[in-house]
C-alpha atoms as a PDB file:
ATOM      1  CA  MET A   1     -10.016  18.096  12.372  1.00  0.00           C
ATOM      2  CA  LEU A   2      -8.230  14.762  12.852  1.00  0.00           C
ATOM      3  CA  ILE A   3     -11.531  13.030  13.603  1.00  0.00           C
ATOM      4  CA  ALA A   4     -13.044  14.660  10.528  1.00  0.00           C
ATOM      5  CA  ARG A   5     -10.277  13.397   8.245  1.00  0.00           C
ATOM      6  CA  ARG A   6     -10.485   9.897   9.668  1.00  0.00           C
ATOM      7  CA  ALA A   7     -14.262   9.836   9.339  1.00  0.00           C
ATOM      8  CA  ASP A   8     -14.077  11.098   5.741  1.00  0.00           C
ATOM      9  CA  THR A   9     -11.427   8.553   4.766  1.00  0.00           C
ATOM     10  CA  ARG A  10     -13.351   5.726   6.400  1.00  0.00           C
ATOM     11  CA  ALA A  11     -16.619   6.847   4.784  1.00  0.00           C
ATOM     12  CA  ARG A  12     -15.068   6.916   1.310  1.00  0.00           C
ATOM     13  CA  ALA A  13     -13.402   3.529   1.760  1.00  0.00           C
ATOM     14  CA  ASP A  14     -16.515   1.890   3.201  1.00  0.00           C
ATOM     15  CA  PHE A  15     -18.774   3.300   0.485  1.00  0.00           C
ATOM     16  CA  ALA A  16     -16.456   2.026  -2.248  1.00  0.00           C
ATOM     17  CA  THR A  17     -16.404  -1.400  -0.607  1.00  0.00           C
ATOM     18  CA  TRP A  18     -20.176  -1.493  -0.184  1.00  0.00           C
ATOM     19  CA  LYS A  19     -20.734  -0.371  -3.747  1.00  0.00           C
ATOM     20  CA  MET A  20     -18.410  -3.081  -5.065  1.00  0.00           C
ATOM     21  CA  MET A  21     -20.118  -5.734  -2.962  1.00  0.00           C
ATOM     22  CA  ALA A  22     -23.483  -4.596  -4.319  1.00  0.00           C
ATOM     23  CA  LYS A  23     -22.147  -4.950  -7.876  1.00  0.00           C
ATOM     24  CA  LEU A  24     -21.005  -8.488  -7.049  1.00  0.00           C
ATOM     25  CA  ASN A  25     -24.444  -9.376  -5.610  1.00  0.00           C
ATOM     26  CA  GLY A  26     -23.082  -9.580  -2.075  1.00  0.00           C
ATOM     27  CA  SER A  27     -25.101  -6.769  -0.544  1.00  0.00           C
ATOM     28  CA  SER A  28     -27.086  -9.195   1.622  1.00  0.00           C
ATOM     29  CA  ALA A  29     -23.900  -9.857   3.622  1.00  0.00           C
ATOM     30  CA  LEU A  30     -23.512  -6.166   4.465  1.00  0.00           C
ATOM     31  CA  PRO A  31     -24.560  -4.740   7.832  1.00  0.00           C
ATOM     32  CA  PRO A  32     -28.021  -3.125   8.014  1.00  0.00           C
ATOM     33  CA  GLU A  33     -26.657   0.445   8.112  1.00  0.00           C
ATOM     34  CA  ALA A  34     -24.651  -0.226   4.947  1.00  0.00           C
ATOM     35  CA  GLN A  35     -27.747  -1.556   3.224  1.00  0.00           C
ATOM     36  CA  GLU A  36     -29.635   1.593   4.267  1.00  0.00           C
ATOM     37  CA  PHE A  37     -26.921   3.839   2.834  1.00  0.00           C
ATOM     38  CA  LEU A  38     -26.915   1.856  -0.423  1.00  0.00           C
ATOM     39  CA  ALA A  39     -30.702   2.120  -0.648  1.00  0.00           C
ATOM     40  CA  SER A  40     -30.498   5.889  -0.174  1.00  0.00           C
ATOM     41  CA  TYR A  41     -27.751   5.971  -2.825  1.00  0.00           C
ATOM     42  CA  GLN A  42     -30.047   4.164  -5.261  1.00  0.00           C
ATOM     43  CA  ASN A  43     -32.811   6.704  -4.523  1.00  0.00           C
ATOM     44  CA  LEU A  44     -30.408   9.601  -5.107  1.00  0.00           C
ATOM     45  CA  LEU A  45     -29.256   8.056  -8.398  1.00  0.00           C
ATOM     46  CA  ALA A  46     -32.800   8.384  -9.723  1.00  0.00           C
ATOM     47  CA  GLN A  47     -32.755  12.115  -8.922  1.00  0.00           C
ATOM     48  CA  MET A  48     -29.215  13.234  -9.817  1.00  0.00           C
ATOM     49  CA  SER A  49     -26.005  12.209 -11.560  1.00  0.00           C
ATOM     50  CA  GLU A  50     -23.809   9.410 -10.277  1.00  0.00           C
ATOM     51  CA  GLY A  51     -21.043  11.720  -9.045  1.00  0.00           C
ATOM     52  CA  ASP A  52     -23.454  13.940  -7.111  1.00  0.00           C
ATOM     53  CA  ALA A  53     -25.280  10.936  -5.651  1.00  0.00           C
ATOM     54  CA  THR A  54     -21.960   9.408  -4.598  1.00  0.00           C
ATOM     55  CA  GLU A  55     -20.791  12.600  -2.885  1.00  0.00           C
ATOM     56  CA  ALA A  56     -24.156  13.051  -1.146  1.00  0.00           C
ATOM     57  CA  THR A  57     -24.091   9.469   0.149  1.00  0.00           C
ATOM     58  CA  ILE A  58     -20.474   9.774   1.274  1.00  0.00           C
ATOM     59  CA  GLY A  59     -21.450  13.000   3.045  1.00  0.00           C
ATOM     60  CA  ALA A  60     -24.206  11.196   4.940  1.00  0.00           C
ATOM     61  CA  ILE A  61     -21.869   8.350   5.884  1.00  0.00           C
ATOM     62  CA  TYR A  62     -19.242  10.915   6.924  1.00  0.00           C
ATOM     63  CA  LYS A  63     -21.684  12.651   9.262  1.00  0.00           C
ATOM     64  CA  ALA A  64     -22.647   9.332  10.858  1.00  0.00           C
ATOM     65  CA  TYR A  65     -19.007   8.297  11.308  1.00  0.00           C
ATOM     66  CA  TYR A  66     -18.045  11.718  12.665  1.00  0.00           C
ATOM     67  CA  ALA A  67     -20.658  11.442  15.405  1.00  0.00           C
ATOM     68  CA  GLU A  68     -19.694   7.797  16.065  1.00  0.00           C
ATOM     69  CA  MET A  69     -16.000   8.718  16.466  1.00  0.00           C
ATOM     70  CA  GLY A  70     -16.772  11.307  19.103  1.00  0.00           C
ATOM     71  CA  GLY A  71     -16.972  14.478  17.026  1.00  0.00           C
ATOM     72  CA  ALA A  72     -19.011  17.221  18.653  1.00  0.00           C
ATOM     73  CA  GLY A  73     -21.418  19.444  16.760  1.00  0.00           C
ATOM     74  CA  THR A  74     -21.667  19.626  13.019  1.00  0.00           C
ATOM     75  CA  PRO A  75     -18.835  17.924  11.155  1.00  0.00           C
ATOM     76  CA  PRO A  76     -16.384  20.348   9.521  1.00  0.00           C
ATOM     77  CA  ASP A  77     -15.888  20.359   5.784  1.00  0.00           C
ATOM     78  CA  VAL A  78     -12.836  18.418   4.750  1.00  0.00           C
ATOM     79  CA  CYS A  79     -10.973  19.337   1.579  1.00  0.00           C
ATOM     80  CA  PRO A  80     -13.225  18.667  -1.408  1.00  0.00           C
ATOM     81  CA  ARG A  81     -12.353  15.655  -3.493  1.00  0.00           C
ATOM     82  CA  ALA A  82     -13.926  16.964  -6.698  1.00  0.00           C
ATOM     83  CA  ALA A  83     -10.512  17.423  -8.304  1.00  0.00           C
ATOM     84  CA  GLU A  84      -9.759  13.709  -7.942  1.00  0.00           C
ATOM     85  CA  PRO A  85     -11.188  11.328 -10.511  1.00  0.00           C
ATOM     86  CA  ALA A  86     -13.951   9.189  -9.057  1.00  0.00           C
ATOM     87  CA  ALA A  87     -13.372   5.959 -10.966  1.00  0.00           C
ATOM     88  CA  ASP A  88      -9.759   6.155 -12.106  1.00  0.00           C
ATOM     89  CA  ASN A  89      -7.984   6.617  -8.805  1.00  0.00           C
ATOM     90  CA  VAL A  90      -5.368   3.936  -9.414  1.00  0.00           C
ATOM     91  CA  THR A  91      -1.764   5.042  -9.534  1.00  0.00           C
ATOM     92  CA  ALA A  92       0.465   3.290 -12.029  1.00  0.00           C
ATOM     93  CA  PHE A  93       3.395   1.372 -10.607  1.00  0.00           C
ATOM     94  CA  ARG A  94       6.742   2.976 -11.300  1.00  0.00           C
ATOM     95  CA  ARG A  95      10.065   1.346 -10.635  1.00  0.00           C
ATOM     96  CA  PRO A  96      12.247   3.232  -8.189  1.00  0.00           C
ATOM     97  CA  PRO A  97      15.297   4.834  -9.785  1.00  0.00           C
ATOM     98  CA  PRO A  98      18.409   2.685  -9.652  1.00  0.00           C
ATOM     99  CA  LYS A  99      20.675   3.318  -6.716  1.00  0.00           C
ATOM    100  CA  PRO A 100      24.061   4.775  -7.584  1.00  0.00           C
ATOM    101  CA  LYS A 101      26.936   2.386  -7.032  1.00  0.00           C
ATOM    102  CA  LYS A 102      29.072   3.241  -4.072  1.00  0.00           C
ATOM    103  CA  ALA A 103      32.640   4.214  -4.772  1.00  0.00           C
ATOM    104  CA  ALA A 104      35.295   2.391  -2.807  1.00  0.00           C
ATOM    105  CA  SER A 105      35.918   4.145   0.455  1.00  0.00           C
ATOM    106  CA  GLY A 106      39.073   5.926   1.588  1.00  0.00           C
ATOM    107  CA  ALA A 107      42.275   3.868   1.491  1.00  0.00           C
ATOM    108  CA  ALA A 108      40.735   1.055  -0.525  1.00  0.00           C
ATOM    109  CA  ALA A 109      40.165   3.450  -3.444  1.00  0.00           C
ATOM    110  CA  PHE A 110      43.894   4.231  -3.655  1.00  0.00           C
ATOM    111  CA  ALA A 111      45.161   0.681  -3.078  1.00  0.00           C
ATOM    112  CA  GLY A 112      44.750  -0.286  -6.717  1.00  0.00           C
ATOM    113  CA  PRO A 113      42.936  -3.361  -7.994  1.00  0.00           C
ATOM    114  CA  GLN A 114      41.311  -5.563  -5.407  1.00  0.00           C
ATOM    115  CA  LYS A 115      42.574  -9.149  -4.971  1.00  0.00           C
ATOM    116  CA  ARG A 116      39.998 -11.847  -5.498  1.00  0.00           C
ATOM    117  CA  PRO A 117      39.786 -14.487  -2.804  1.00  0.00           C
ATOM    118  CA  LEU A 118      40.787 -18.015  -3.837  1.00  0.00           C
ATOM    119  CA  PRO A 119      37.913 -20.237  -4.876  1.00  0.00           C
ATOM    120  CA  VAL A 120      36.833 -22.824  -2.353  1.00  0.00           C
ATOM    121  CA  ALA A 121      37.572 -25.752  -4.690  1.00  0.00           C
ATOM    122  CA  LEU A 122      41.194 -24.646  -5.116  1.00  0.00           C
ATOM    123  CA  ILE A 123      41.673 -24.392  -1.362  1.00  0.00           C
ATOM    124  CA  PHE A 124      40.142 -27.844  -0.886  1.00  0.00           C
ATOM    125  CA  ALA A 125      42.397 -29.351  -3.573  1.00  0.00           C
ATOM    126  CA  CYS A 126      45.474 -27.863  -1.893  1.00  0.00           C
ATOM    127  CA  LEU A 127      44.430 -29.315   1.460  1.00  0.00           C
ATOM    128  CA  VAL A 128      43.964 -32.749  -0.117  1.00  0.00           C
ATOM    129  CA  VAL A 129      47.457 -32.551  -1.688  1.00  0.00           C
ATOM    130  CA  VAL A 130      48.989 -31.542   1.643  1.00  0.00           C
ATOM    131  CA  TYR A 131      47.163 -34.355   3.481  1.00  0.00           C
ATOM    132  CA  VAL A 132      48.175 -36.999   0.938  1.00  0.00           C
ATOM    133  CA  GLY A 133      51.760 -35.712   0.967  1.00  0.00           C
ATOM    134  CA  ILE A 134      51.938 -35.923   4.762  1.00  0.00           C
ATOM    135  CA  ARG A 135      50.450 -39.446   4.840  1.00  0.00           C
ATOM    136  CA  LEU A 136      52.813 -40.774   2.161  1.00  0.00           C
ATOM    137  CA  TYR A 137      56.084 -39.165   3.236  1.00  0.00           C
ATOM    138  CA  TRP A 138      55.719 -39.018   7.026  1.00  0.00           C
ATOM    139  CA  PRO A 139      57.168 -42.124   8.654  1.00  0.00           C
END
């Protein structure tokens, strides 16, 4: 069943890629087997609806990939994708929910307000004053 799922996923992805390349007039760059599958898809489009022709072509690609991946016998049916929309399969981006702020842990929560460290400029100024004081008043 693992080979079947992989073959089905690969068949659907490859067919979508091939179809997009054909729309962009890049089908001549496709491998010969892809061109054959697209030609059979065009023939099926003349006979049936786009959704049925797509599923039939994906089924043919799936069977070829299943045999290529080492599947024995007839390929099993994978879960039908009819419930999924064919063209609108893009999921909208949603921001992840904000993370809750961590409360101060253990003893730090009961210690009261936290002391802020001294700014670097203040520390530097104090060091300069100490240095100047030592140089002036040290004999």
